[in-house]
C-alpha atoms as a PDB file:
ATOM      1  CA  MET A   1      -0.684 -18.276  27.089  1.00  0.00           C
ATOM      2  CA  CYS A   2      -1.948 -17.591  23.584  1.00  0.00           C
ATOM      3  CA  SER A   3      -5.215 -18.515  22.048  1.00  0.00           C
ATOM      4  CA  PRO A   4      -5.068 -20.251  18.672  1.00  0.00           C
ATOM      5  CA  GLU A   5      -5.560 -16.924  16.887  1.00  0.00           C
ATOM      6  CA  PRO A   6      -2.284 -15.132  16.183  1.00  0.00           C
ATOM      7  CA  ILE A   7      -3.873 -11.700  16.658  1.00  0.00           C
ATOM      8  CA  ASN A   8      -4.004 -12.383  20.399  1.00  0.00           C
ATOM      9  CA  CYS A   9      -0.389 -13.527  20.753  1.00  0.00           C
ATOM     10  CA  PHE A  10       1.196 -10.129  20.077  1.00  0.00           C
ATOM     11  CA  PRO A  11      -0.333  -8.322  23.094  1.00  0.00           C
ATOM     12  CA  MET A  12       0.606 -11.281  25.282  1.00  0.00           C
ATOM     13  CA  LEU A  13       4.183 -11.213  23.988  1.00  0.00           C
ATOM     14  CA  LEU A  14       4.443  -7.479  24.710  1.00  0.00           C
ATOM     15  CA  ASN A  15       3.060  -8.063  28.181  1.00  0.00           C
ATOM     16  CA  ILE A  16       5.656 -10.740  28.929  1.00  0.00           C
ATOM     17  CA  LEU A  17       8.538  -8.661  27.566  1.00  0.00           C
ATOM     18  CA  SER A  18       7.441  -5.491  29.369  1.00  0.00           C
ATOM     19  CA  ASN A  19       7.082  -7.251  32.701  1.00  0.00           C
ATOM     20  CA  THR A  20      10.443  -8.962  32.221  1.00  0.00           C
ATOM     21  CA  PHE A  21      12.162  -5.628  31.640  1.00  0.00           C
ATOM     22  CA  LEU A  22      10.392  -4.114  34.645  1.00  0.00           C
ATOM     23  CA  ARG A  23      11.612  -6.963  36.839  1.00  0.00           C
ATOM     24  CA  LEU A  24      15.163  -6.541  35.521  1.00  0.00           C
ATOM     25  CA  PHE A  25      15.112  -2.925  36.699  1.00  0.00           C
ATOM     26  CA  HIS A  26      13.589  -3.885  40.076  1.00  0.00           C
ATOM     27  CA  SER A  27      10.360  -2.037  39.499  1.00  0.00           C
ATOM     28  CA  THR A  28       7.210  -2.880  41.421  1.00  0.00           C
ATOM     29  CA  ALA A  29       4.918  -1.814  38.564  1.00  0.00           C
ATOM     30  CA  ARG A  30       3.449  -4.456  36.277  1.00  0.00           C
ATOM     31  CA  PHE A  31       1.572  -4.390  32.988  1.00  0.00           C
ATOM     32  CA  ARG A  32      -1.613  -6.326  32.606  1.00  0.00           C
ATOM     33  CA  VAL A  33      -2.991  -7.025  29.155  1.00  0.00           C
ATOM     34  CA  TRP A  34      -6.291  -8.493  28.149  1.00  0.00           C
ATOM     35  CA  SER A  35      -7.981  -8.614  24.828  1.00  0.00           C
ATOM     36  CA  GLN A  36     -11.435  -9.328  23.614  1.00  0.00           C
ATOM     37  CA  LEU A  37     -11.867 -11.261  20.434  1.00  0.00           C
ATOM     38  CA  PHE A  38     -12.939  -9.406  17.353  1.00  0.00           C
ATOM     39  CA  TYR A  39     -16.382 -10.012  16.016  1.00  0.00           C
ATOM     40  CA  THR A  40     -15.978 -13.166  13.962  1.00  0.00           C
ATOM     41  CA  GLY A  41     -19.299 -13.083  12.172  1.00  0.00           C
ATOM     42  CA  GLU A  42     -19.406 -13.829   8.487  1.00  0.00           C
ATOM     43  CA  ASN A  43     -19.269 -10.639   6.474  1.00  0.00           C
ATOM     44  CA  THR A  44     -18.730 -11.789   2.905  1.00  0.00           C
ATOM     45  CA  GLU A  45     -19.007  -8.283   1.468  1.00  0.00           C
ATOM     46  CA  LEU A  46     -16.069  -7.088   3.573  1.00  0.00           C
ATOM     47  CA  LYS A  47     -14.034 -10.191   2.736  1.00  0.00           C
ATOM     48  CA  ASN A  48     -14.667  -9.679  -0.986  1.00  0.00           C
ATOM     49  CA  TYR A  49     -13.727  -6.014  -0.721  1.00  0.00           C
ATOM     50  CA  ILE A  50     -10.456  -6.833   1.029  1.00  0.00           C
ATOM     51  CA  PHE A  51      -9.668  -9.694  -1.358  1.00  0.00           C
ATOM     52  CA  PHE A  52     -10.233  -7.667  -4.519  1.00  0.00           C
ATOM     53  CA  GLY A  53      -8.377  -4.681  -3.091  1.00  0.00           C
ATOM     54  CA  LEU A  54      -5.330  -6.792  -2.302  1.00  0.00           C
ATOM     55  CA  PHE A  55      -5.638  -8.623  -5.611  1.00  0.00           C
ATOM     56  CA  THR A  56      -5.651  -5.312  -7.510  1.00  0.00           C
ATOM     57  CA  TYR A  57      -2.650  -4.095  -5.536  1.00  0.00           C
ATOM     58  CA  LEU A  58      -0.717  -7.268  -6.325  1.00  0.00           C
ATOM     59  CA  LEU A  59      -1.583  -7.016 -10.015  1.00  0.00           C
ATOM     60  CA  VAL A  60      -0.230  -3.468 -10.164  1.00  0.00           C
ATOM     61  CA  LEU A  61       2.858  -4.556  -8.253  1.00  0.00           C
ATOM     62  CA  ALA A  62       3.387  -7.571 -10.524  1.00  0.00           C
ATOM     63  CA  ALA A  63       3.001  -5.389 -13.616  1.00  0.00           C
ATOM     64  CA  GLY A  64       5.500  -2.821 -12.352  1.00  0.00           C
ATOM     65  CA  LEU A  65       8.356  -4.999 -11.135  1.00  0.00           C
ATOM     66  CA  PRO A  66       9.545  -6.753 -14.339  1.00  0.00           C
ATOM     67  CA  PRO A  67      10.182  -3.464 -16.189  1.00  0.00           C
ATOM     68  CA  LEU A  68      12.193  -2.308 -13.189  1.00  0.00           C
ATOM     69  CA  PHE A  69      14.488  -5.325 -13.475  1.00  0.00           C
ATOM     70  CA  ALA A  70      14.656  -4.959 -17.251  1.00  0.00           C
ATOM     71  CA  MET A  71      15.693  -1.308 -16.980  1.00  0.00           C
ATOM     72  CA  GLY A  72      18.473  -2.267 -14.594  1.00  0.00           C
ATOM     73  CA  THR A  73      19.715  -4.894 -17.029  1.00  0.00           C
ATOM     74  CA  VAL A  74      19.618  -2.469 -19.964  1.00  0.00           C
ATOM     75  CA  GLU A  75      21.466   0.129 -17.912  1.00  0.00           C
ATOM     76  CA  ASP A  76      24.135  -2.447 -17.004  1.00  0.00           C
ATOM     77  CA  TYR A  77      24.469  -3.342 -20.678  1.00  0.00           C
ATOM     78  CA  LYS A  78      24.912   0.308 -21.672  1.00  0.00           C
ATOM     79  CA  VAL A  79      27.728   0.931 -19.210  1.00  0.00           C
ATOM     80  CA  LYS A  80      29.183  -2.531 -19.932  1.00  0.00           C
ATOM     81  CA  SER A  81      29.225  -3.573 -16.288  1.00  0.00           C
ATOM     82  CA  ARG A  82      29.870  -7.201 -15.450  1.00  0.00           C
ATOM     83  CA  SER A  83      29.480  -9.200 -12.306  1.00  0.00           C
ATOM     84  CA  CYS A  84      32.332 -11.368 -11.088  1.00  0.00           C
END
């Protein structure tokens, strides 16, 4: 049913679920889904752009999360809360 690429499995899954629900309600209509593969040519510039964009996002995320946890711990210390 699915090709080895996961991007093509989602439309097929929706097709199967939609047709199953239509059959449950005794409808004569059916959905038909087909997909064409994306262009799979090598575009290294686009891959580098996506990689560095995601890498920058993760660096900002990684730099922002530890202070968030530290502030929660300091706040717990100030109000003298304890976990059981």
